Amino acid sequence: MDYCGRHIGPTQRSLFSGTDDREMLVYLSGDISILKRKCVSVIGARDVSDEGARRSRKIAALLASSGIVVTSGLARGVDIAAHNGAMDNGGRTVAVIGTPLQKCYPAEHAEIQEEIYANHLLVSQFSAGTRTFPSDFPKRNRLMAALTDASIIVEASDSSGTLHQAAECVRLNRWLFIMQSVAENPKLEWPSKFLKEERVAVLSSIEDVLQRIER
């Protein structure tokens, strides 16, 4: 199935502009007031390990129970685990997708996408009918970094597209948290490069996030 089963009536809004960014036009469907709350991205690998998926759900559940909106990209792996972890624990979630609002990718997430735009918030920067490609996903990551107060990387390889969002967090002066298991993995090179930055930290407890974004 290429398209979600029900019609979406998007709200078109200009999100931000600045000296380094052209004005970004986004399309929203759902409860726009969610964006007024503290939002944290939970992101990482599509081909996630069982332990990584468990950690994603747990982090999302802890954030949700603390009143934080969980944001992710509705992709396979870490993303879908994060959305479900938030919703299963009575929290709110935002899905920032890499396709127009009317299209579901991957197709098996159509039901979850419908639930999010009906009861939470669905966000895209792609207008209806726009054809998107894998090369467009870094744009989605840039938007997600701009929308949120912090990002948490649960699991990611040295070649992961998640690192595009990590770089945007640094550029936009947003907090970036790297799971301790990832930061201490000797097989990975990327964590040490980011941990040199002022607003990048190792995540050992959900309090690490809450204390920083509530300042």
C-alpha atoms as a PDB file:
ATOM      1  CA  MET A   1       0.000   0.000   0.000  1.00  0.00           C
ATOM      2  CA  ASP A   2       1.542   3.306  -1.073  1.00  0.00           C
ATOM      3  CA  TYR A   3      -0.843   5.650   0.710  1.00  0.00           C
ATOM      4  CA  CYS A   4      -2.510   5.777   4.084  1.00  0.00           C
ATOM      5  CA  GLY A   5      -6.149   4.832   4.079  1.00  0.00           C
ATOM      6  CA  ARG A   6      -7.640   8.186   5.093  1.00  0.00           C
ATOM      7  CA  HIS A   7      -7.299  11.720   3.811  1.00  0.00           C
ATOM      8  CA  ILE A   8      -4.889  14.044   5.603  1.00  0.00           C
ATOM      9  CA  GLY A   9      -5.609  17.756   5.693  1.00  0.00           C
ATOM     10  CA  PRO A  10      -2.185  19.280   6.351  1.00  0.00           C
ATOM     11  CA  THR A  11      -1.441  22.633   7.889  1.00  0.00           C
ATOM     12  CA  GLN A  12       1.337  24.439   6.050  1.00  0.00           C
ATOM     13  CA  ARG A  13       3.693  26.448   8.265  1.00  0.00           C
ATOM     14  CA  SER A  14       6.998  28.230   8.015  1.00  0.00           C
ATOM     15  CA  LEU A  15       9.175  26.687  10.713  1.00  0.00           C
ATOM     16  CA  PHE A  16      12.287  28.787  10.959  1.00  0.00           C
ATOM     17  CA  SER A  17      14.721  30.957   9.097  1.00  0.00           C
ATOM     18  CA  GLY A  18      18.154  32.296   9.896  1.00  0.00           C
ATOM     19  CA  THR A  19      21.444  33.426   8.486  1.00  0.00           C
ATOM     20  CA  ASP A  20      22.499  29.879   7.668  1.00  0.00           C
ATOM     21  CA  ASP A  21      19.087  28.512   6.698  1.00  0.00           C
ATOM     22  CA  ARG A  22      16.610  29.400   4.053  1.00  0.00           C
ATOM     23  CA  GLU A  23      13.059  29.558   5.360  1.00  0.00           C
ATOM     24  CA  MET A  24      11.757  26.019   5.757  1.00  0.00           C
ATOM     25  CA  LEU A  25       8.154  25.232   4.848  1.00  0.00           C
ATOM     26  CA  VAL A  26       6.666  22.264   6.681  1.00  0.00           C
ATOM     27  CA  TYR A  27       3.372  20.388   6.489  1.00  0.00           C
ATOM     28  CA  LEU A  28       1.722  19.339   9.735  1.00  0.00           C
ATOM     29  CA  SER A  29      -1.205  17.072  10.516  1.00  0.00           C
ATOM     30  CA  GLY A  30      -2.438  16.431  14.025  1.00  0.00           C
ATOM     31  CA  ASP A  31      -2.095  18.271  17.325  1.00  0.00           C
ATOM     32  CA  ILE A  32       0.196  21.221  16.554  1.00  0.00           C
ATOM     33  CA  SER A  33       0.223  22.294  20.210  1.00  0.00           C
ATOM     34  CA  ILE A  34       2.554  19.362  20.919  1.00  0.00           C
ATOM     35  CA  LEU A  35       5.408  21.435  19.498  1.00  0.00           C
ATOM     36  CA  LYS A  36       5.055  23.917  22.367  1.00  0.00           C
ATOM     37  CA  ARG A  37       6.277  21.238  24.783  1.00  0.00           C
ATOM     38  CA  LYS A  38       9.795  19.921  25.361  1.00  0.00           C
ATOM     39  CA  CYS A  39      10.622  17.473  22.574  1.00  0.00           C
ATOM     40  CA  VAL A  40      13.455  14.936  22.406  1.00  0.00           C
ATOM     41  CA  SER A  41      14.410  12.849  19.376  1.00  0.00           C
ATOM     42  CA  VAL A  42      15.133   9.162  19.928  1.00  0.00           C
ATOM     43  CA  ILE A  43      16.966   7.981  16.827  1.00  0.00           C
ATOM     44  CA  GLY A  44      19.317   5.344  15.456  1.00  0.00           C
ATOM     45  CA  ALA A  45      19.788   2.336  13.233  1.00  0.00           C
ATOM     46  CA  ARG A  46      17.078   0.804  11.074  1.00  0.00           C
ATOM     47  CA  ASP A  47      18.732  -2.590  11.407  1.00  0.00           C
ATOM     48  CA  VAL A  48      18.679  -2.373  15.175  1.00  0.00           C
ATOM     49  CA  SER A  49      19.685  -5.136  17.564  1.00  0.00           C
ATOM     50  CA  ASP A  50      17.113  -6.630  19.931  1.00  0.00           C
ATOM     51  CA  GLU A  51      18.854  -4.863  22.804  1.00  0.00           C
ATOM     52  CA  GLY A  52      18.842  -1.583  20.895  1.00  0.00           C
ATOM     53  CA  ALA A  53      15.105  -1.861  20.257  1.00  0.00           C
ATOM     54  CA  ARG A  54      14.516  -2.594  23.942  1.00  0.00           C
ATOM     55  CA  ARG A  55      16.560   0.434  24.961  1.00  0.00           C
ATOM     56  CA  SER A  56      14.661   2.629  22.490  1.00  0.00           C
ATOM     57  CA  ARG A  57      11.328   1.619  23.968  1.00  0.00           C
ATOM     58  CA  LYS A  58      12.591   2.095  27.526  1.00  0.00           C
ATOM     59  CA  ILE A  59      14.070   5.547  26.856  1.00  0.00           C
ATOM     60  CA  ALA A  60      10.875   6.649  25.110  1.00  0.00           C
ATOM     61  CA  ALA A  61       8.772   5.342  27.984  1.00  0.00           C
ATOM     62  CA  LEU A  62      10.884   7.212  30.550  1.00  0.00           C
ATOM     63  CA  LEU A  63      10.723  10.433  28.541  1.00  0.00           C
ATOM     64  CA  ALA A  64       6.952  10.076  28.122  1.00  0.00           C
ATOM     65  CA  SER A  65       6.444   9.487  31.842  1.00  0.00           C
ATOM     66  CA  SER A  66       8.392  12.712  32.471  1.00  0.00           C
ATOM     67  CA  GLY A  67       6.095  14.703  30.185  1.00  0.00           C
ATOM     68  CA  ILE A  68       8.580  14.922  27.303  1.00  0.00           C
ATOM     69  CA  VAL A  69       7.358  14.527  23.725  1.00  0.00           C
ATOM     70  CA  VAL A  70       9.205  11.721  21.917  1.00  0.00           C
ATOM     71  CA  THR A  71      10.146  12.562  18.340  1.00  0.00           C
ATOM     72  CA  SER A  72      11.454  10.140  15.735  1.00  0.00           C
ATOM     73  CA  GLY A  73      11.340   9.383  12.022  1.00  0.00           C
ATOM     74  CA  LEU A  74       8.861   6.463  11.775  1.00  0.00           C
ATOM     75  CA  ALA A  75      11.507   4.278  10.122  1.00  0.00           C
ATOM     76  CA  ARG A  76      12.200   0.662  10.954  1.00  0.00           C
ATOM     77  CA  GLY A  77      14.359  -0.150  13.964  1.00  0.00           C
ATOM     78  CA  VAL A  78      15.003   2.473  16.641  1.00  0.00           C
ATOM     79  CA  ASP A  79      12.387   4.901  15.306  1.00  0.00           C
ATOM     80  CA  ILE A  80       9.327   2.661  15.457  1.00  0.00           C
ATOM     81  CA  ALA A  81      10.402   1.277  18.830  1.00  0.00           C
ATOM     82  CA  ALA A  82      10.610   4.837  20.177  1.00  0.00           C
ATOM     83  CA  HIS A  83       7.183   5.852  18.876  1.00  0.00           C
ATOM     84  CA  ASN A  84       5.595   2.716  20.319  1.00  0.00           C
ATOM     85  CA  GLY A  85       7.439   3.123  23.625  1.00  0.00           C
ATOM     86  CA  ALA A  86       5.984   6.612  24.011  1.00  0.00           C
ATOM     87  CA  MET A  87       2.433   5.774  22.960  1.00  0.00           C
ATOM     88  CA  ASP A  88       2.276   2.536  24.947  1.00  0.00           C
ATOM     89  CA  ASN A  89       3.061   4.547  28.075  1.00  0.00           C
ATOM     90  CA  GLY A  90       0.496   7.277  27.528  1.00  0.00           C
ATOM     91  CA  GLY A  91       2.952   9.798  26.080  1.00  0.00           C
ATOM     92  CA  ARG A  92       2.830  12.067  23.054  1.00  0.00           C
ATOM     93  CA  THR A  93       4.925  11.555  19.947  1.00  0.00           C
ATOM     94  CA  VAL A  94       5.890  13.412  16.782  1.00  0.00           C
ATOM     95  CA  ALA A  95       6.830  11.586  13.582  1.00  0.00           C
ATOM     96  CA  VAL A  96       9.018  13.569  11.189  1.00  0.00           C
ATOM     97  CA  ILE A  97       8.847  11.623   7.945  1.00  0.00           C
ATOM     98  CA  GLY A  98      10.900  11.658   4.756  1.00  0.00           C
ATOM     99  CA  THR A  99       7.902  11.520   2.409  1.00  0.00           C
ATOM    100  CA  PRO A 100       4.773  13.646   1.906  1.00  0.00           C
ATOM    101  CA  LEU A 101       2.182  13.306   4.683  1.00  0.00           C
ATOM    102  CA  GLN A 102      -0.075  11.221   2.466  1.00  0.00           C
ATOM    103  CA  LYS A 103       2.504   8.517   1.796  1.00  0.00           C
ATOM    104  CA  CYS A 104       3.555   5.772   4.187  1.00  0.00           C
ATOM    105  CA  TYR A 105       7.092   4.436   4.143  1.00  0.00           C
ATOM    106  CA  PRO A 106       7.706   1.730   5.069  1.00  0.00           C
ATOM    107  CA  ALA A 107       4.247   0.463   4.156  1.00  0.00           C
ATOM    108  CA  GLU A 108       3.958  -1.737   7.240  1.00  0.00           C
ATOM    109  CA  HIS A 109       3.941   1.388   9.420  1.00  0.00           C
ATOM    110  CA  ALA A 110       0.753   2.738   7.823  1.00  0.00           C
ATOM    111  CA  GLU A 111      -1.429   1.922  10.825  1.00  0.00           C
ATOM    112  CA  ILE A 112       0.999   3.591  13.236  1.00  0.00           C
ATOM    113  CA  GLN A 113       1.248   6.622  10.930  1.00  0.00           C
ATOM    114  CA  GLU A 114      -2.535   6.955  10.937  1.00  0.00           C
ATOM    115  CA  GLU A 115      -2.601   6.765  14.722  1.00  0.00           C
ATOM    116  CA  ILE A 116       0.065   9.448  14.972  1.00  0.00           C
ATOM    117  CA  TYR A 117      -1.639  11.948  12.684  1.00  0.00           C
ATOM    118  CA  ALA A 118      -4.997  11.263  14.335  1.00  0.00           C
ATOM    119  CA  ASN A 119      -3.854  11.541  17.958  1.00  0.00           C
ATOM    120  CA  HIS A 120      -0.332  12.992  17.945  1.00  0.00           C
ATOM    121  CA  LEU A 121       1.554  14.929  15.236  1.00  0.00           C
ATOM    122  CA  LEU A 122       2.886  14.066  11.780  1.00  0.00           C
ATOM    123  CA  VAL A 123       5.421  16.418  10.152  1.00  0.00           C
ATOM    124  CA  SER A 124       6.930  16.573   6.660  1.00  0.00           C
ATOM    125  CA  GLN A 125       8.719  19.142   4.544  1.00  0.00           C
ATOM    126  CA  PHE A 126       7.580  17.471   1.320  1.00  0.00           C
ATOM    127  CA  SER A 127       4.393  18.636  -0.382  1.00  0.00           C
ATOM    128  CA  ALA A 128       1.762  16.202  -1.647  1.00  0.00           C
ATOM    129  CA  GLY A 129       2.861  14.380  -4.778  1.00  0.00           C
ATOM    130  CA  THR A 130       6.572  15.088  -4.295  1.00  0.00           C
ATOM    131  CA  ARG A 131       8.727  12.144  -5.283  1.00  0.00           C
ATOM    132  CA  THR A 132      11.340  11.465  -2.621  1.00  0.00           C
ATOM    133  CA  PHE A 133      14.577   9.490  -2.672  1.00  0.00           C
ATOM    134  CA  PRO A 134      16.961   8.014  -0.073  1.00  0.00           C
ATOM    135  CA  SER A 135      19.139  11.089  -0.560  1.00  0.00           C
ATOM    136  CA  ASP A 136      16.290  13.202   0.885  1.00  0.00           C
ATOM    137  CA  PHE A 137      16.458  11.596   4.327  1.00  0.00           C
ATOM    138  CA  PRO A 138      19.268  13.884   5.585  1.00  0.00           C
ATOM    139  CA  LYS A 139      16.797  16.745   5.033  1.00  0.00           C
ATOM    140  CA  ARG A 140      14.374  14.930   7.349  1.00  0.00           C
ATOM    141  CA  ASN A 141      17.127  14.593   9.951  1.00  0.00           C
ATOM    142  CA  ARG A 142      17.922  18.309   9.701  1.00  0.00           C
ATOM    143  CA  LEU A 143      14.272  19.157  10.296  1.00  0.00           C
ATOM    144  CA  MET A 144      14.052  16.803  13.262  1.00  0.00           C
ATOM    145  CA  ALA A 145      17.120  18.369  14.861  1.00  0.00           C
ATOM    146  CA  ALA A 146      15.581  21.825  14.408  1.00  0.00           C
ATOM    147  CA  LEU A 147      12.261  20.793  15.951  1.00  0.00           C
ATOM    148  CA  THR A 148      13.623  19.202  19.100  1.00  0.00           C
ATOM    149  CA  ASP A 149      15.438  20.313  22.230  1.00  0.00           C
ATOM    150  CA  ALA A 150      17.796  17.324  22.170  1.00  0.00           C
ATOM    151  CA  SER A 151      18.529  14.087  20.330  1.00  0.00           C
ATOM    152  CA  ILE A 152      19.433  10.688  21.752  1.00  0.00           C
ATOM    153  CA  ILE A 153      21.314   8.198  19.578  1.00  0.00           C
ATOM    154  CA  VAL A 154      20.530   4.685  20.753  1.00  0.00           C
ATOM    155  CA  GLU A 155      22.481   2.663  18.211  1.00  0.00           C
ATOM    156  CA  ALA A 156      24.376   3.704  15.058  1.00  0.00           C
ATOM    157  CA  SER A 157      27.289   2.509  12.939  1.00  0.00           C
ATOM    158  CA  ASP A 158      30.059   4.714  11.582  1.00  0.00           C
ATOM    159  CA  SER A 159      28.157   4.949   8.272  1.00  0.00           C
ATOM    160  CA  SER A 160      24.685   5.497   9.739  1.00  0.00           C
ATOM    161  CA  GLY A 161      22.479   8.242   8.340  1.00  0.00           C
ATOM    162  CA  THR A 162      21.711   9.097  11.964  1.00  0.00           C
ATOM    163  CA  LEU A 163      25.019  10.948  12.050  1.00  0.00           C
ATOM    164  CA  HIS A 164      23.518  13.621   9.775  1.00  0.00           C
ATOM    165  CA  GLN A 165      21.230  14.536  12.654  1.00  0.00           C
ATOM    166  CA  ALA A 166      24.127  14.408  15.104  1.00  0.00           C
ATOM    167  CA  ALA A 167      25.988  16.936  12.979  1.00  0.00           C
ATOM    168  CA  GLU A 168      22.900  19.161  12.805  1.00  0.00           C
ATOM    169  CA  CYS A 169      22.559  19.092  16.591  1.00  0.00           C
ATOM    170  CA  VAL A 170      26.107  20.395  16.882  1.00  0.00           C
ATOM    171  CA  ARG A 171      25.524  23.046  14.213  1.00  0.00           C
ATOM    172  CA  LEU A 172      22.269  24.230  15.791  1.00  0.00           C
ATOM    173  CA  ASN A 173      23.665  24.083  19.346  1.00  0.00           C
ATOM    174  CA  ARG A 174      21.133  21.430  20.381  1.00  0.00           C
ATOM    175  CA  TRP A 175      21.991  18.815  22.983  1.00  0.00           C
ATOM    176  CA  LEU A 176      23.113  15.447  21.621  1.00  0.00           C
ATOM    177  CA  PHE A 177      23.231  12.369  23.846  1.00  0.00           C
ATOM    178  CA  ILE A 178      24.972   9.134  22.939  1.00  0.00           C
ATOM    179  CA  MET A 179      24.005   5.930  24.724  1.00  0.00           C
ATOM    180  CA  GLN A 180      26.765   4.727  27.010  1.00  0.00           C
ATOM    181  CA  SER A 181      26.897   1.340  25.267  1.00  0.00           C
ATOM    182  CA  VAL A 182      27.544   3.140  21.968  1.00  0.00           C
ATOM    183  CA  ALA A 183      30.056   5.646  23.341  1.00  0.00           C
ATOM    184  CA  GLU A 184      32.088   2.835  24.890  1.00  0.00           C
ATOM    185  CA  ASN A 185      31.993   0.542  21.857  1.00  0.00           C
ATOM    186  CA  PRO A 186      35.655   0.199  20.711  1.00  0.00           C
ATOM    187  CA  LYS A 187      34.524  -0.745  17.199  1.00  0.00           C
ATOM    188  CA  LEU A 188      32.993   2.692  16.599  1.00  0.00           C
ATOM    189  CA  GLU A 189      34.946   5.799  15.643  1.00  0.00           C
ATOM    190  CA  TRP A 190      32.199   8.405  15.431  1.00  0.00           C
ATOM    191  CA  PRO A 191      31.313   8.855  19.148  1.00  0.00           C
ATOM    192  CA  SER A 192      34.758  10.188  20.135  1.00  0.00           C
ATOM    193  CA  LYS A 193      34.576  12.793  17.372  1.00  0.00           C
ATOM    194  CA  PHE A 194      31.270  14.179  18.624  1.00  0.00           C
ATOM    195  CA  LEU A 195      32.076  13.946  22.323  1.00  0.00           C
ATOM    196  CA  LYS A 196      34.624  16.716  21.846  1.00  0.00           C
ATOM    197  CA  GLU A 197      31.716  19.131  21.356  1.00  0.00           C
ATOM    198  CA  GLU A 198      30.378  21.169  24.276  1.00  0.00           C
ATOM    199  CA  ARG A 199      26.749  20.060  23.997  1.00  0.00           C
ATOM    200  CA  VAL A 200      27.392  16.355  23.403  1.00  0.00           C
ATOM    201  CA  ALA A 201      27.238  13.973  26.354  1.00  0.00           C
ATOM    202  CA  VAL A 202      27.166  10.276  27.189  1.00  0.00           C
ATOM    203  CA  LEU A 203      23.732   9.118  28.330  1.00  0.00           C
ATOM    204  CA  SER A 204      23.849   6.993  31.457  1.00  0.00           C
ATOM    205  CA  SER A 205      20.492   8.025  32.945  1.00  0.00           C
ATOM    206  CA  ILE A 206      17.369   9.771  31.690  1.00  0.00           C
ATOM    207  CA  GLU A 207      18.148  12.459  34.280  1.00  0.00           C
ATOM    208  CA  ASP A 208      21.115  13.462  32.101  1.00  0.00           C
ATOM    209  CA  VAL A 209      18.595  14.651  29.510  1.00  0.00           C
ATOM    210  CA  LEU A 210      15.983  16.130  31.811  1.00  0.00           C
ATOM    211  CA  GLN A 211      18.452  18.253  33.766  1.00  0.00           C
ATOM    212  CA  ARG A 212      19.898  19.825  30.634  1.00  0.00           C
ATOM    213  CA  ILE A 213      16.768  20.547  28.621  1.00  0.00           C
ATOM    214  CA  GLU A 214      14.894  21.958  31.594  1.00  0.00           C
ATOM    215  CA  ARG A 215      17.529  24.626  32.242  1.00  0.00           C
END
